[in-house]
N, C-alpha and C. Protein backbone atom coordinates (compact mmCIF):
# COMPACT_ATOMS: atom_id res chain seq x y z
N UNK A 1 -3.82 4.30 -27.66
CA UNK A 1 -3.35 4.48 -26.29
C UNK A 1 -3.18 3.11 -25.67
N UNK A 2 -2.10 2.93 -24.97
CA UNK A 2 -1.89 1.71 -24.21
C UNK A 2 -2.46 1.91 -22.81
N UNK A 3 -2.86 0.82 -22.18
CA UNK A 3 -3.49 0.88 -20.87
C UNK A 3 -2.81 -0.10 -19.91
N UNK A 4 -3.01 0.14 -18.63
CA UNK A 4 -2.60 -0.79 -17.59
C UNK A 4 -3.90 -1.23 -16.91
N UNK A 5 -4.00 -2.50 -16.59
CA UNK A 5 -5.18 -2.99 -15.91
C UNK A 5 -4.94 -2.96 -14.41
N UNK A 6 -5.79 -2.22 -13.71
CA UNK A 6 -5.68 -2.10 -12.26
C UNK A 6 -6.19 -3.36 -11.59
N UNK A 7 -5.93 -3.49 -10.30
CA UNK A 7 -6.32 -4.70 -9.56
C UNK A 7 -7.81 -4.99 -9.63
N UNK A 8 -8.63 -3.95 -9.80
CA UNK A 8 -10.08 -4.17 -9.86
C UNK A 8 -10.57 -4.40 -11.29
N UNK A 9 -9.65 -4.54 -12.24
CA UNK A 9 -10.01 -4.82 -13.62
C UNK A 9 -10.22 -3.59 -14.49
N UNK A 10 -10.22 -2.41 -13.90
CA UNK A 10 -10.39 -1.17 -14.65
C UNK A 10 -9.14 -0.91 -15.47
N UNK A 11 -9.33 -0.49 -16.72
CA UNK A 11 -8.19 -0.15 -17.58
C UNK A 11 -7.92 1.34 -17.47
N UNK A 12 -6.66 1.66 -17.16
CA UNK A 12 -6.23 3.04 -16.99
C UNK A 12 -5.20 3.36 -18.07
N UNK A 13 -5.36 4.50 -18.77
CA UNK A 13 -4.35 4.87 -19.77
C UNK A 13 -2.97 4.96 -19.13
N UNK A 14 -1.95 4.55 -19.88
CA UNK A 14 -0.58 4.58 -19.38
C UNK A 14 0.03 5.98 -19.42
N UNK A 15 -0.57 6.86 -20.17
CA UNK A 15 -0.03 8.21 -20.30
C UNK A 15 -1.13 9.21 -20.02
N UNK A 16 -0.88 10.11 -19.10
CA UNK A 16 -1.88 11.09 -18.72
C UNK A 16 -1.36 12.50 -18.82
N UNK A 17 -2.26 13.45 -18.56
CA UNK A 17 -1.94 14.87 -18.61
C UNK A 17 -2.17 15.46 -17.23
N UNK A 18 -1.18 16.16 -16.68
CA UNK A 18 -1.28 16.74 -15.35
C UNK A 18 -1.40 18.25 -15.39
N UNK A 19 -2.04 18.81 -14.35
CA UNK A 19 -2.27 20.25 -14.29
C UNK A 19 -1.67 20.88 -13.02
N UNK A 20 -0.68 20.24 -12.44
CA UNK A 20 -0.01 20.79 -11.27
C UNK A 20 0.63 22.13 -11.62
N UNK A 21 0.42 23.12 -10.79
CA UNK A 21 0.96 24.47 -10.92
C UNK A 21 0.36 25.26 -12.08
N UNK A 22 -0.75 24.81 -12.65
CA UNK A 22 -1.45 25.60 -13.66
C UNK A 22 -2.54 26.36 -12.91
N UNK A 23 -2.17 27.54 -12.40
CA UNK A 23 -3.06 28.28 -11.50
C UNK A 23 -4.03 29.20 -12.23
N UNK A 24 -3.70 29.59 -13.46
CA UNK A 24 -4.61 30.40 -14.25
C UNK A 24 -5.72 29.48 -14.77
N UNK A 25 -6.94 29.70 -14.30
CA UNK A 25 -8.03 28.76 -14.60
C UNK A 25 -8.39 28.71 -16.08
N UNK A 26 -8.33 29.84 -16.77
CA UNK A 26 -8.61 29.84 -18.21
C UNK A 26 -7.53 29.05 -18.95
N UNK A 27 -6.27 29.24 -18.54
CA UNK A 27 -5.18 28.49 -19.16
C UNK A 27 -5.31 27.00 -18.86
N UNK A 28 -5.71 26.68 -17.64
CA UNK A 28 -5.90 25.28 -17.26
C UNK A 28 -6.98 24.65 -18.14
N UNK A 29 -8.12 25.31 -18.27
CA UNK A 29 -9.20 24.75 -19.09
C UNK A 29 -8.74 24.58 -20.54
N UNK A 30 -8.09 25.60 -21.10
CA UNK A 30 -7.61 25.51 -22.47
C UNK A 30 -6.60 24.38 -22.64
N UNK A 31 -5.69 24.25 -21.66
CA UNK A 31 -4.67 23.20 -21.73
C UNK A 31 -5.29 21.81 -21.71
N UNK A 32 -6.28 21.62 -20.84
CA UNK A 32 -6.95 20.32 -20.77
C UNK A 32 -7.72 20.05 -22.05
N UNK A 33 -8.39 21.08 -22.58
CA UNK A 33 -9.09 20.90 -23.87
C UNK A 33 -8.10 20.50 -24.95
N UNK A 34 -6.92 21.17 -24.99
CA UNK A 34 -5.89 20.82 -25.97
C UNK A 34 -5.39 19.39 -25.76
N UNK A 35 -5.16 19.02 -24.51
CA UNK A 35 -4.67 17.67 -24.22
C UNK A 35 -5.68 16.62 -24.68
N UNK A 36 -6.95 16.86 -24.43
CA UNK A 36 -7.99 15.93 -24.87
C UNK A 36 -8.03 15.86 -26.40
N UNK A 37 -7.84 17.01 -27.06
CA UNK A 37 -7.81 17.03 -28.52
C UNK A 37 -6.63 16.24 -29.08
N UNK A 38 -5.49 16.29 -28.36
CA UNK A 38 -4.31 15.54 -28.77
C UNK A 38 -4.55 14.03 -28.64
N UNK A 39 -5.39 13.63 -27.67
CA UNK A 39 -5.66 12.21 -27.47
C UNK A 39 -5.54 11.73 -26.05
N UNK A 40 -5.08 12.58 -25.13
CA UNK A 40 -5.00 12.16 -23.74
C UNK A 40 -6.39 11.80 -23.24
N UNK A 41 -6.46 10.75 -22.41
CA UNK A 41 -7.72 10.36 -21.80
C UNK A 41 -7.57 10.16 -20.29
N UNK A 42 -6.38 10.34 -19.77
CA UNK A 42 -6.12 10.34 -18.32
C UNK A 42 -5.76 11.76 -17.92
N UNK A 43 -6.52 12.32 -17.00
CA UNK A 43 -6.26 13.67 -16.49
C UNK A 43 -5.96 13.57 -15.01
N UNK A 44 -4.94 14.29 -14.56
CA UNK A 44 -4.55 14.26 -13.16
C UNK A 44 -4.64 15.66 -12.58
N UNK A 45 -5.34 15.79 -11.45
CA UNK A 45 -5.48 17.06 -10.75
C UNK A 45 -5.45 16.77 -9.25
N UNK A 46 -5.70 17.78 -8.45
CA UNK A 46 -5.76 17.61 -7.00
C UNK A 46 -6.49 18.81 -6.40
N UNK A 47 -7.09 18.58 -5.25
CA UNK A 47 -7.77 19.68 -4.57
C UNK A 47 -6.81 20.83 -4.29
N UNK A 48 -5.57 20.52 -3.94
CA UNK A 48 -4.60 21.57 -3.62
C UNK A 48 -4.20 22.40 -4.84
N UNK A 49 -4.43 21.90 -6.06
CA UNK A 49 -4.10 22.67 -7.26
C UNK A 49 -5.11 23.80 -7.47
N UNK A 50 -6.28 23.64 -6.89
CA UNK A 50 -7.37 24.61 -7.01
C UNK A 50 -7.77 24.87 -8.46
N UNK A 51 -7.73 23.81 -9.28
CA UNK A 51 -8.13 23.96 -10.68
C UNK A 51 -9.04 22.83 -11.14
N UNK A 52 -9.58 22.08 -10.19
CA UNK A 52 -10.44 20.95 -10.55
C UNK A 52 -11.67 21.40 -11.35
N UNK A 53 -12.22 22.55 -11.02
CA UNK A 53 -13.40 23.04 -11.75
C UNK A 53 -13.06 23.31 -13.21
N UNK A 54 -11.88 23.89 -13.46
CA UNK A 54 -11.45 24.16 -14.84
C UNK A 54 -11.26 22.85 -15.61
N UNK A 55 -10.75 21.83 -14.93
CA UNK A 55 -10.60 20.52 -15.57
C UNK A 55 -11.98 19.98 -15.95
N UNK A 56 -12.95 20.10 -15.03
CA UNK A 56 -14.30 19.64 -15.30
C UNK A 56 -14.95 20.37 -16.46
N UNK A 57 -14.73 21.69 -16.54
CA UNK A 57 -15.29 22.48 -17.65
C UNK A 57 -14.68 22.03 -18.97
N UNK A 58 -13.39 21.74 -18.96
CA UNK A 58 -12.73 21.28 -20.19
C UNK A 58 -13.28 19.93 -20.64
N UNK A 59 -13.52 19.05 -19.70
CA UNK A 59 -14.10 17.74 -20.04
C UNK A 59 -15.47 17.95 -20.67
N UNK A 60 -16.28 18.79 -20.04
CA UNK A 60 -17.63 19.06 -20.55
C UNK A 60 -17.56 19.67 -21.95
N UNK A 61 -16.66 20.63 -22.15
CA UNK A 61 -16.55 21.32 -23.44
C UNK A 61 -16.00 20.41 -24.54
N UNK A 62 -15.27 19.37 -24.16
CA UNK A 62 -14.62 18.50 -25.16
C UNK A 62 -15.62 17.70 -25.98
N UNK A 63 -16.78 17.41 -25.40
CA UNK A 63 -17.75 16.57 -26.10
C UNK A 63 -17.41 15.09 -26.04
N UNK A 64 -16.32 14.74 -25.36
CA UNK A 64 -15.92 13.34 -25.22
C UNK A 64 -16.77 12.72 -24.12
N UNK A 65 -17.27 11.52 -24.38
CA UNK A 65 -18.08 10.84 -23.36
C UNK A 65 -17.27 10.68 -22.08
N UNK A 66 -17.92 10.95 -20.96
CA UNK A 66 -17.23 10.90 -19.66
C UNK A 66 -16.63 9.54 -19.37
N UNK A 67 -17.28 8.46 -19.82
CA UNK A 67 -16.75 7.13 -19.55
C UNK A 67 -15.50 6.80 -20.36
N UNK A 68 -15.10 7.71 -21.25
CA UNK A 68 -13.87 7.53 -22.03
C UNK A 68 -12.69 8.27 -21.40
N UNK A 69 -12.96 9.01 -20.31
CA UNK A 69 -11.93 9.81 -19.67
C UNK A 69 -11.70 9.30 -18.25
N UNK A 70 -10.44 9.11 -17.90
CA UNK A 70 -10.04 8.64 -16.58
C UNK A 70 -9.45 9.83 -15.84
N UNK A 71 -10.03 10.20 -14.71
CA UNK A 71 -9.56 11.35 -13.94
C UNK A 71 -9.02 10.87 -12.60
N UNK A 72 -7.82 11.34 -12.28
CA UNK A 72 -7.26 11.07 -10.95
C UNK A 72 -7.15 12.40 -10.22
N UNK A 73 -7.32 12.35 -8.91
CA UNK A 73 -7.18 13.53 -8.08
C UNK A 73 -6.64 13.08 -6.74
N UNK A 74 -6.18 14.02 -5.96
CA UNK A 74 -5.59 13.70 -4.66
C UNK A 74 -6.31 14.44 -3.55
N UNK A 75 -6.28 13.84 -2.38
CA UNK A 75 -6.88 14.44 -1.19
C UNK A 75 -5.92 15.44 -0.56
N UNK A 76 -6.47 16.32 0.24
CA UNK A 76 -5.65 17.18 1.06
C UNK A 76 -4.89 16.32 2.06
N UNK A 77 -3.74 16.79 2.49
CA UNK A 77 -2.93 16.06 3.46
C UNK A 77 -3.76 15.72 4.70
N UNK A 78 -4.54 16.68 5.19
CA UNK A 78 -5.32 16.42 6.40
C UNK A 78 -6.49 15.47 6.17
N UNK A 79 -6.80 15.15 4.92
CA UNK A 79 -7.88 14.21 4.62
C UNK A 79 -7.39 12.77 4.51
N UNK A 80 -6.13 12.52 4.72
CA UNK A 80 -5.58 11.18 4.57
C UNK A 80 -5.31 10.58 5.93
N UNK A 81 -5.09 9.31 5.99
CA UNK A 81 -4.92 8.61 7.30
C UNK A 81 -3.47 8.30 7.55
N UNK A 82 8.35 12.17 -13.41
CA UNK A 82 9.21 11.78 -14.16
C UNK A 82 9.88 12.76 -14.92
N UNK A 83 9.06 13.39 -14.73
CA UNK A 83 10.08 14.23 -15.35
C UNK A 83 10.93 14.90 -14.29
N UNK A 84 10.64 14.69 -13.02
CA UNK A 84 11.37 15.30 -11.91
C UNK A 84 11.34 16.82 -12.04
N UNK A 85 10.28 17.33 -12.62
CA UNK A 85 10.10 18.77 -12.82
C UNK A 85 11.31 19.40 -13.49
N UNK A 86 12.01 18.64 -14.29
CA UNK A 86 13.17 19.16 -15.00
C UNK A 86 14.39 19.37 -14.12
N UNK A 87 14.36 18.83 -12.93
CA UNK A 87 15.46 19.04 -11.98
C UNK A 87 16.67 18.18 -12.33
N UNK A 88 17.78 18.51 -11.71
CA UNK A 88 19.03 17.75 -11.82
C UNK A 88 19.52 17.62 -13.26
N UNK A 89 19.19 18.60 -14.11
CA UNK A 89 19.68 18.58 -15.48
C UNK A 89 19.16 17.44 -16.32
N UNK A 90 18.00 16.91 -15.98
CA UNK A 90 17.46 15.73 -16.68
C UNK A 90 17.34 15.95 -18.18
N UNK A 91 17.00 17.18 -18.60
CA UNK A 91 16.81 17.45 -20.03
C UNK A 91 18.12 17.75 -20.75
N UNK A 92 19.24 17.62 -20.05
CA UNK A 92 20.56 17.77 -20.65
C UNK A 92 21.37 16.48 -20.49
N UNK A 93 20.76 15.45 -19.95
CA UNK A 93 21.45 14.21 -19.68
C UNK A 93 21.94 13.56 -20.97
N UNK A 94 23.24 13.30 -21.03
CA UNK A 94 23.84 12.77 -22.26
C UNK A 94 23.36 11.36 -22.61
N UNK A 95 23.17 10.51 -21.61
CA UNK A 95 22.66 9.17 -21.89
C UNK A 95 21.28 9.25 -22.54
N UNK A 96 20.39 10.02 -21.93
CA UNK A 96 19.03 10.15 -22.47
C UNK A 96 19.05 10.81 -23.84
N UNK A 97 19.94 11.79 -24.02
CA UNK A 97 20.06 12.45 -25.33
C UNK A 97 20.49 11.45 -26.40
N UNK A 98 21.48 10.61 -26.08
CA UNK A 98 21.97 9.66 -27.08
C UNK A 98 20.92 8.61 -27.42
N UNK A 99 20.16 8.17 -26.43
CA UNK A 99 19.08 7.22 -26.69
C UNK A 99 18.02 7.88 -27.57
N UNK A 100 17.68 9.12 -27.25
CA UNK A 100 16.70 9.85 -28.04
C UNK A 100 17.15 10.02 -29.48
N UNK A 101 18.41 10.37 -29.69
CA UNK A 101 18.93 10.55 -31.05
C UNK A 101 18.84 9.25 -31.83
N UNK A 102 19.12 8.14 -31.18
CA UNK A 102 19.06 6.82 -31.85
C UNK A 102 17.65 6.53 -32.37
N UNK A 103 16.64 6.98 -31.62
CA UNK A 103 15.25 6.70 -31.98
C UNK A 103 14.56 7.88 -32.68
N UNK A 104 15.29 9.00 -32.84
CA UNK A 104 14.69 10.18 -33.43
C UNK A 104 13.66 10.82 -32.51
N UNK A 105 13.92 10.76 -31.20
CA UNK A 105 13.00 11.27 -30.19
C UNK A 105 13.70 12.24 -29.26
N UNK A 106 12.92 13.03 -28.54
CA UNK A 106 13.47 13.96 -27.56
C UNK A 106 13.77 13.23 -26.25
N UNK A 107 14.51 13.90 -25.39
CA UNK A 107 14.78 13.34 -24.06
C UNK A 107 13.46 13.11 -23.32
N UNK A 108 12.54 14.07 -23.41
CA UNK A 108 11.25 13.91 -22.75
C UNK A 108 10.53 12.66 -23.25
N UNK A 109 10.56 12.42 -24.54
CA UNK A 109 9.90 11.23 -25.09
C UNK A 109 10.57 9.94 -24.60
N UNK A 110 11.89 9.96 -24.46
CA UNK A 110 12.59 8.79 -23.94
C UNK A 110 12.15 8.52 -22.51
N UNK A 111 12.04 9.57 -21.70
CA UNK A 111 11.63 9.41 -20.31
C UNK A 111 10.21 8.85 -20.23
N UNK A 112 9.30 9.44 -21.01
CA UNK A 112 7.91 8.96 -20.98
C UNK A 112 7.84 7.51 -21.47
N UNK A 113 8.57 7.20 -22.54
CA UNK A 113 8.56 5.83 -23.06
C UNK A 113 9.10 4.86 -22.02
N UNK A 114 10.17 5.24 -21.31
CA UNK A 114 10.75 4.39 -20.28
C UNK A 114 9.70 4.06 -19.22
N UNK A 115 8.91 5.05 -18.84
CA UNK A 115 7.87 4.82 -17.84
C UNK A 115 6.76 3.91 -18.38
N UNK A 116 6.19 4.26 -19.53
CA UNK A 116 5.06 3.47 -20.03
C UNK A 116 5.49 2.06 -20.43
N UNK A 117 6.72 1.91 -20.87
CA UNK A 117 7.22 0.58 -21.23
C UNK A 117 7.31 -0.30 -19.99
N UNK A 118 7.47 0.32 -18.82
CA UNK A 118 7.49 -0.42 -17.55
C UNK A 118 6.09 -0.51 -16.94
N UNK A 119 5.07 -0.06 -17.71
CA UNK A 119 3.68 -0.04 -17.27
C UNK A 119 3.47 0.84 -16.04
N UNK A 120 4.21 1.94 -16.01
CA UNK A 120 4.05 2.95 -14.98
C UNK A 120 3.30 4.11 -15.61
N UNK A 121 2.20 4.49 -15.01
CA UNK A 121 1.41 5.58 -15.54
C UNK A 121 2.22 6.87 -15.46
N UNK A 122 2.34 7.56 -16.58
CA UNK A 122 3.10 8.80 -16.67
C UNK A 122 2.14 9.96 -16.85
N UNK A 123 2.42 11.07 -16.15
CA UNK A 123 1.55 12.24 -16.25
C UNK A 123 2.42 13.49 -16.41
N UNK A 124 2.98 13.70 -17.62
CA UNK A 124 3.76 14.91 -17.83
C UNK A 124 2.83 16.13 -17.92
N UNK A 125 3.34 17.27 -17.52
CA UNK A 125 2.56 18.51 -17.54
C UNK A 125 3.13 19.46 -18.59
N UNK A 126 2.24 20.12 -19.32
CA UNK A 126 2.64 21.19 -20.22
C UNK A 126 1.42 22.04 -20.50
N UNK A 127 1.63 23.32 -20.77
CA UNK A 127 0.54 24.18 -21.20
C UNK A 127 0.69 24.48 -22.70
N UNK A 128 1.68 23.87 -23.33
CA UNK A 128 1.92 24.07 -24.77
C UNK A 128 1.46 22.84 -25.55
N UNK A 129 0.56 23.07 -26.51
CA UNK A 129 -0.03 21.96 -27.27
C UNK A 129 1.04 21.13 -27.99
N UNK A 130 2.08 21.79 -28.53
CA UNK A 130 3.11 21.04 -29.24
C UNK A 130 3.87 20.10 -28.30
N UNK A 131 4.06 20.51 -27.04
CA UNK A 131 4.71 19.62 -26.05
C UNK A 131 3.77 18.47 -25.68
N UNK A 132 2.49 18.79 -25.55
CA UNK A 132 1.51 17.73 -25.26
C UNK A 132 1.58 16.66 -26.35
N UNK A 133 1.59 17.13 -27.61
CA UNK A 133 1.65 16.18 -28.73
C UNK A 133 2.96 15.40 -28.71
N UNK A 134 4.07 16.07 -28.39
CA UNK A 134 5.36 15.39 -28.31
C UNK A 134 5.34 14.33 -27.23
N UNK A 135 4.83 14.68 -26.05
CA UNK A 135 4.77 13.72 -24.94
C UNK A 135 3.87 12.54 -25.26
N UNK A 136 2.88 12.77 -26.12
CA UNK A 136 1.93 11.71 -26.48
C UNK A 136 2.49 10.77 -27.54
N UNK A 137 3.47 11.25 -28.32
CA UNK A 137 4.01 10.48 -29.45
C UNK A 137 5.12 9.53 -29.00
N UNK A 138 4.77 8.59 -28.12
CA UNK A 138 5.77 7.66 -27.59
C UNK A 138 5.40 6.20 -27.81
N UNK A 139 4.36 5.97 -28.58
CA UNK A 139 3.91 4.60 -28.79
C UNK A 139 4.39 4.01 -30.11
N UNK A 140 5.27 4.75 -30.81
CA UNK A 140 5.76 4.28 -32.10
C UNK A 140 7.22 3.82 -32.06
N UNK A 141 7.74 3.63 -30.84
CA UNK A 141 9.09 3.10 -30.70
C UNK A 141 9.17 2.36 -29.36
N UNK A 142 10.20 1.55 -29.21
CA UNK A 142 10.43 0.82 -27.96
C UNK A 142 11.91 0.91 -27.60
N UNK A 143 12.16 1.00 -26.33
CA UNK A 143 13.54 1.00 -25.84
C UNK A 143 14.02 -0.44 -25.70
N UNK A 144 15.28 -0.68 -26.01
CA UNK A 144 15.85 -2.02 -25.87
C UNK A 144 16.05 -2.33 -24.39
N UNK A 145 16.25 -3.60 -24.07
CA UNK A 145 16.54 -3.99 -22.69
C UNK A 145 17.78 -3.27 -22.17
N UNK A 146 18.79 -3.13 -23.03
CA UNK A 146 20.02 -2.44 -22.62
C UNK A 146 19.74 -0.97 -22.30
N UNK A 147 18.93 -0.32 -23.13
CA UNK A 147 18.58 1.08 -22.88
C UNK A 147 17.77 1.22 -21.59
N UNK A 148 16.85 0.30 -21.37
CA UNK A 148 16.03 0.34 -20.15
C UNK A 148 16.93 0.23 -18.92
N UNK A 149 17.88 -0.69 -18.94
CA UNK A 149 18.79 -0.88 -17.80
C UNK A 149 19.72 0.31 -17.61
N UNK A 150 20.17 0.91 -18.71
CA UNK A 150 21.04 2.08 -18.61
C UNK A 150 20.31 3.24 -17.94
N UNK A 151 19.02 3.39 -18.23
CA UNK A 151 18.23 4.46 -17.62
C UNK A 151 18.02 4.17 -16.13
N UNK A 152 17.79 2.91 -15.79
CA UNK A 152 17.63 2.54 -14.37
C UNK A 152 18.86 2.97 -13.57
N UNK A 153 20.02 2.86 -14.18
CA UNK A 153 21.27 3.20 -13.48
C UNK A 153 21.35 4.69 -13.12
N UNK A 154 20.50 5.52 -13.72
CA UNK A 154 20.49 6.96 -13.40
C UNK A 154 19.80 7.26 -12.07
N UNK A 155 19.07 6.27 -11.52
CA UNK A 155 18.30 6.49 -10.29
C UNK A 155 19.22 6.84 -9.14
N UNK A 156 19.00 8.02 -8.56
CA UNK A 156 19.82 8.48 -7.44
C UNK A 156 19.26 8.04 -6.08
N UNK A 157 18.12 7.36 -6.08
CA UNK A 157 17.47 6.86 -4.87
C UNK A 157 17.00 7.98 -3.94
N UNK A 158 16.83 9.19 -4.49
CA UNK A 158 16.28 10.30 -3.72
C UNK A 158 15.16 10.95 -4.52
N UNK A 159 14.19 11.51 -3.83
CA UNK A 159 13.06 12.16 -4.49
C UNK A 159 13.48 13.51 -5.04
N UNK A 160 13.04 13.78 -6.26
CA UNK A 160 13.26 15.10 -6.85
C UNK A 160 12.09 16.03 -6.54
N UNK A 161 11.07 15.50 -5.89
CA UNK A 161 9.88 16.27 -5.58
C UNK A 161 9.86 16.60 -4.10
N UNK A 162 8.92 17.42 -3.71
CA UNK A 162 8.80 17.78 -2.31
C UNK A 162 8.22 16.61 -1.52
N UNK A 163 8.51 16.61 -0.25
CA UNK A 163 8.05 15.57 0.66
C UNK A 163 6.78 16.06 1.36
N UNK A 164 5.64 15.41 1.07
CA UNK A 164 4.36 15.80 1.65
C UNK A 164 4.33 15.60 3.17
N UNK A 165 5.29 14.85 3.70
CA UNK A 165 5.35 14.64 5.15
C UNK A 165 6.17 15.70 5.85
N UNK A 166 6.88 16.52 5.08
CA UNK A 166 7.71 17.57 5.65
C UNK A 166 6.82 18.70 6.17
N UNK A 167 6.88 18.97 7.48
CA UNK A 167 6.01 20.01 8.06
C UNK A 167 6.13 21.36 7.36
N UNK A 168 7.33 21.73 6.94
CA UNK A 168 7.51 23.00 6.22
C UNK A 168 6.75 23.00 4.90
N UNK A 169 6.77 21.86 4.19
CA UNK A 169 6.07 21.77 2.91
C UNK A 169 4.56 21.80 3.13
N UNK A 170 4.07 21.08 4.12
CA UNK A 170 2.63 21.08 4.43
C UNK A 170 2.18 22.50 4.75
N UNK A 171 2.99 23.21 5.53
CA UNK A 171 2.66 24.59 5.89
C UNK A 171 2.64 25.47 4.64
N UNK A 172 3.61 25.33 3.77
CA UNK A 172 3.68 26.15 2.54
C UNK A 172 2.48 25.89 1.65
N UNK A 173 2.09 24.62 1.51
CA UNK A 173 0.93 24.30 0.68
C UNK A 173 -0.33 24.88 1.29
N UNK A 174 -0.49 24.75 2.59
CA UNK A 174 -1.70 25.26 3.22
C UNK A 174 -1.76 26.78 3.16
N UNK A 175 -0.62 27.45 3.26
CA UNK A 175 -0.61 28.91 3.13
C UNK A 175 -0.92 29.36 1.71
N UNK A 176 -0.44 28.61 0.73
CA UNK A 176 -0.71 28.92 -0.68
C UNK A 176 -2.17 28.85 -0.98
N UNK A 177 -2.85 27.91 -0.37
CA UNK A 177 -4.27 27.69 -0.68
C UNK A 177 -5.20 28.33 0.33
N UNK A 178 -4.66 28.92 1.39
CA UNK A 178 -5.49 29.59 2.38
C UNK A 178 -6.15 28.67 3.37
N UNK A 179 -5.74 27.41 3.42
CA UNK A 179 -6.31 26.46 4.38
C UNK A 179 -5.39 26.35 5.56
N UNK A 180 -5.96 26.41 6.75
CA UNK A 180 -5.12 26.30 7.95
C UNK A 180 -5.54 25.11 8.77
């Protein structure tokens, strides 16, 4: 696993496993156990996902020492002061497909490699072990400078995710979780 060194000297894995929208707690625990078995050591969750306990159970069940696992989580909106969820046809993009074919990799692997090669922590989500393994198998190739720049040109300068500052989104999240 490759790591990025944070400002405080802590080493954080460049590739993590996320559990956003994994609401079935048994599935969440199994998925995290599978991800840890594949080799992931960065886990990403949030209070709003309501699955942090399942993540903790999976860590405990894995037998992996806690100091070998890096966990990130997020606060509730009121507690504060890449794959674009498959949107915009990203998994059908011809440029990414052609780069993937050149390297014998999937579009998803090209996207993850593009992120980790730029030392950006990537946290793809999957509940399928074979996808977890695919997303993890990105350290055996490198994108050329030309390929990196071609991918940068795809940036539309707009978020493909929801805006946490949007009052409608904050309301929807709070209603989903029962917090008012």
